[in-house]
């Protein structure tokens, strides 16, 4: 059975490159979605939010998070989702989907689980 792996990330992201390398080394084809070019659809974001919760998707240590003032601002979940759509650098990348398996961030254990 062929795996349908989708990697949501950005070209300049070291963690995204690590995910690409992980699957390339194992001969697994994947579909890369550059979030700078094509933002995630609201439905796709919702899939990750439902599984992990919105706070788990945010890169709270990243420059984009600090620059957006999110360490200090109180924003609704809806406002936060709108910010994510406009600025994917707020997300912990990469975000992967393979069937019903999802992962957020550089998580080789989750990636290996996708292969079984």
C-alpha atoms as a PDB file:
ATOM      1  CA  UNK A   1       0.000   0.000   0.000  1.00  0.00           C
ATOM      2  CA  UNK A   2       1.389   3.381  -1.009  1.00  0.00           C
ATOM      3  CA  UNK A   3       1.620   5.989   1.701  1.00  0.00           C
ATOM      4  CA  UNK A   4       0.180   9.424   1.057  1.00  0.00           C
ATOM      5  CA  UNK A   5       2.422  11.692   3.138  1.00  0.00           C
ATOM      6  CA  UNK A   6       1.839  15.435   3.145  1.00  0.00           C
ATOM      7  CA  UNK A   7       4.409  17.757   4.666  1.00  0.00           C
ATOM      8  CA  UNK A   8       3.223  21.270   5.490  1.00  0.00           C
ATOM      9  CA  UNK A   9       6.187  23.542   6.061  1.00  0.00           C
ATOM     10  CA  UNK A  10       8.400  26.228   4.622  1.00  0.00           C
ATOM     11  CA  UNK A  11      11.448  25.912   2.394  1.00  0.00           C
ATOM     12  CA  UNK A  12      13.740  27.754   4.816  1.00  0.00           C
ATOM     13  CA  UNK A  13      12.719  25.732   7.866  1.00  0.00           C
ATOM     14  CA  UNK A  14      15.391  23.395   9.216  1.00  0.00           C
ATOM     15  CA  UNK A  15      12.751  21.135  10.810  1.00  0.00           C
ATOM     16  CA  UNK A  16      10.865  20.917   7.500  1.00  0.00           C
ATOM     17  CA  UNK A  17      14.061  19.879   5.712  1.00  0.00           C
ATOM     18  CA  UNK A  18      14.610  17.219   8.400  1.00  0.00           C
ATOM     19  CA  UNK A  19      11.168  15.740   7.658  1.00  0.00           C
ATOM     20  CA  UNK A  20      11.828  15.748   3.913  1.00  0.00           C
ATOM     21  CA  UNK A  21      15.187  14.038   4.482  1.00  0.00           C
ATOM     22  CA  UNK A  22      13.602  11.440   6.814  1.00  0.00           C
ATOM     23  CA  UNK A  23      11.136  10.305   4.138  1.00  0.00           C
ATOM     24  CA  UNK A  24      13.601  10.577   1.227  1.00  0.00           C
ATOM     25  CA  UNK A  25      16.102   8.346   3.056  1.00  0.00           C
ATOM     26  CA  UNK A  26      13.384   5.704   3.396  1.00  0.00           C
ATOM     27  CA  UNK A  27      12.272   5.967  -0.234  1.00  0.00           C
ATOM     28  CA  UNK A  28       8.833   7.320   0.735  1.00  0.00           C
ATOM     29  CA  UNK A  29       7.286   9.762  -1.716  1.00  0.00           C
ATOM     30  CA  UNK A  30       5.640  12.805  -0.161  1.00  0.00           C
ATOM     31  CA  UNK A  31       3.743  15.894  -1.189  1.00  0.00           C
ATOM     32  CA  UNK A  32       5.283  19.137   0.090  1.00  0.00           C
ATOM     33  CA  UNK A  33       3.061  22.161   0.710  1.00  0.00           C
ATOM     34  CA  UNK A  34       5.045  25.388   1.115  1.00  0.00           C
ATOM     35  CA  UNK A  35       2.974  27.448   3.523  1.00  0.00           C
ATOM     36  CA  UNK A  36       4.584  30.675   2.276  1.00  0.00           C
ATOM     37  CA  UNK A  37       3.096  29.960  -1.147  1.00  0.00           C
ATOM     38  CA  UNK A  38      -0.165  28.217  -0.225  1.00  0.00           C
ATOM     39  CA  UNK A  39      -1.582  28.572   3.292  1.00  0.00           C
ATOM     40  CA  UNK A  40      -3.286  25.622   4.956  1.00  0.00           C
ATOM     41  CA  UNK A  41      -7.016  25.495   4.443  1.00  0.00           C
ATOM     42  CA  UNK A  42      -9.186  26.152   7.500  1.00  0.00           C
ATOM     43  CA  UNK A  43     -10.342  22.519   7.354  1.00  0.00           C
ATOM     44  CA  UNK A  44      -6.766  21.245   7.384  1.00  0.00           C
ATOM     45  CA  UNK A  45      -5.862  23.488  10.332  1.00  0.00           C
ATOM     46  CA  UNK A  46      -8.986  22.287  12.157  1.00  0.00           C
ATOM     47  CA  UNK A  47      -7.859  18.664  11.733  1.00  0.00           C
ATOM     48  CA  UNK A  48      -4.630  19.458  13.613  1.00  0.00           C
ATOM     49  CA  UNK A  49      -6.386  21.644  16.205  1.00  0.00           C
ATOM     50  CA  UNK A  50      -8.899  18.856  16.920  1.00  0.00           C
ATOM     51  CA  UNK A  51      -6.076  16.359  17.488  1.00  0.00           C
ATOM     52  CA  UNK A  52      -3.507  18.465  19.365  1.00  0.00           C
ATOM     53  CA  UNK A  53      -5.269  21.651  20.494  1.00  0.00           C
ATOM     54  CA  UNK A  54      -4.355  25.107  19.205  1.00  0.00           C
ATOM     55  CA  UNK A  55      -1.618  25.866  21.774  1.00  0.00           C
ATOM     56  CA  UNK A  56       0.343  22.762  20.711  1.00  0.00           C
ATOM     57  CA  UNK A  57       0.488  24.058  17.123  1.00  0.00           C
ATOM     58  CA  UNK A  58       2.128  27.359  18.018  1.00  0.00           C
ATOM     59  CA  UNK A  59       5.854  27.974  18.012  1.00  0.00           C
ATOM     60  CA  UNK A  60       5.809  30.028  21.207  1.00  0.00           C
ATOM     61  CA  UNK A  61       9.607  30.362  21.183  1.00  0.00           C
ATOM     62  CA  UNK A  62       9.759  31.653  17.611  1.00  0.00           C
ATOM     63  CA  UNK A  63      10.507  35.204  16.518  1.00  0.00           C
ATOM     64  CA  UNK A  64       7.172  35.499  14.662  1.00  0.00           C
ATOM     65  CA  UNK A  65       5.244  34.689  17.865  1.00  0.00           C
ATOM     66  CA  UNK A  66       7.124  37.337  19.856  1.00  0.00           C
ATOM     67  CA  UNK A  67       6.924  39.909  17.033  1.00  0.00           C
ATOM     68  CA  UNK A  68       3.166  39.397  16.780  1.00  0.00           C
ATOM     69  CA  UNK A  69       2.896  40.254  20.486  1.00  0.00           C
ATOM     70  CA  UNK A  70       1.202  36.962  21.253  1.00  0.00           C
ATOM     71  CA  UNK A  71       3.182  36.466  24.466  1.00  0.00           C
ATOM     72  CA  UNK A  72       1.305  39.404  25.930  1.00  0.00           C
ATOM     73  CA  UNK A  73      -1.916  39.769  23.946  1.00  0.00           C
ATOM     74  CA  UNK A  74      -5.075  37.931  24.815  1.00  0.00           C
ATOM     75  CA  UNK A  75      -6.638  36.836  21.533  1.00  0.00           C
ATOM     76  CA  UNK A  76      -9.575  34.606  20.796  1.00  0.00           C
ATOM     77  CA  UNK A  77      -9.052  31.268  19.102  1.00  0.00           C
ATOM     78  CA  UNK A  78     -10.652  32.665  15.960  1.00  0.00           C
ATOM     79  CA  UNK A  79      -8.275  35.661  15.893  1.00  0.00           C
ATOM     80  CA  UNK A  80      -5.344  33.307  16.434  1.00  0.00           C
ATOM     81  CA  UNK A  81      -6.458  31.078  13.555  1.00  0.00           C
ATOM     82  CA  UNK A  82      -6.667  34.157  11.300  1.00  0.00           C
ATOM     83  CA  UNK A  83      -3.129  35.142  12.317  1.00  0.00           C
ATOM     84  CA  UNK A  84      -1.891  31.618  11.537  1.00  0.00           C
ATOM     85  CA  UNK A  85      -3.452  31.767   8.080  1.00  0.00           C
ATOM     86  CA  UNK A  86      -1.650  35.063   7.407  1.00  0.00           C
ATOM     87  CA  UNK A  87       1.669  34.077   9.005  1.00  0.00           C
ATOM     88  CA  UNK A  88       2.570  30.364   8.962  1.00  0.00           C
ATOM     89  CA  UNK A  89       5.795  31.147  10.863  1.00  0.00           C
ATOM     90  CA  UNK A  90       3.624  31.088  13.994  1.00  0.00           C
ATOM     91  CA  UNK A  91       3.263  27.312  13.617  1.00  0.00           C
ATOM     92  CA  UNK A  92       5.531  24.576  14.938  1.00  0.00           C
ATOM     93  CA  UNK A  93       6.756  23.132  11.686  1.00  0.00           C
ATOM     94  CA  UNK A  94       6.635  20.790   9.975  1.00  0.00           C
ATOM     95  CA  UNK A  95       3.080  19.543  10.204  1.00  0.00           C
ATOM     96  CA  UNK A  96       2.623  16.106   8.651  1.00  0.00           C
ATOM     97  CA  UNK A  97      -0.391  14.096   7.632  1.00  0.00           C
ATOM     98  CA  UNK A  98      -0.415  10.506   6.476  1.00  0.00           C
ATOM     99  CA  UNK A  99      -3.922   9.055   6.442  1.00  0.00           C
ATOM    100  CA  UNK A 100      -5.212   9.419  10.005  1.00  0.00           C
ATOM    101  CA  UNK A 101      -1.714   9.961  11.426  1.00  0.00           C
ATOM    102  CA  UNK A 102      -0.761  13.552  12.222  1.00  0.00           C
ATOM    103  CA  UNK A 103       2.356  15.098  13.700  1.00  0.00           C
ATOM    104  CA  UNK A 104       3.478  18.585  14.666  1.00  0.00           C
ATOM    105  CA  UNK A 105       7.077  19.712  14.859  1.00  0.00           C
ATOM    106  CA  UNK A 106      10.193  17.633  14.431  1.00  0.00           C
ATOM    107  CA  UNK A 107       8.922  14.298  15.780  1.00  0.00           C
ATOM    108  CA  UNK A 108      10.736  11.295  14.305  1.00  0.00           C
ATOM    109  CA  UNK A 109       8.869   8.860  16.569  1.00  0.00           C
ATOM    110  CA  UNK A 110       5.550   9.993  15.063  1.00  0.00           C
ATOM    111  CA  UNK A 111       7.020   9.838  11.544  1.00  0.00           C
ATOM    112  CA  UNK A 112       8.183   6.248  12.113  1.00  0.00           C
ATOM    113  CA  UNK A 113       4.683   5.362  13.373  1.00  0.00           C
ATOM    114  CA  UNK A 114       3.277   6.635  10.058  1.00  0.00           C
ATOM    115  CA  UNK A 115       5.339   4.008   8.242  1.00  0.00           C
ATOM    116  CA  UNK A 116       3.869   1.038  10.115  1.00  0.00           C
END
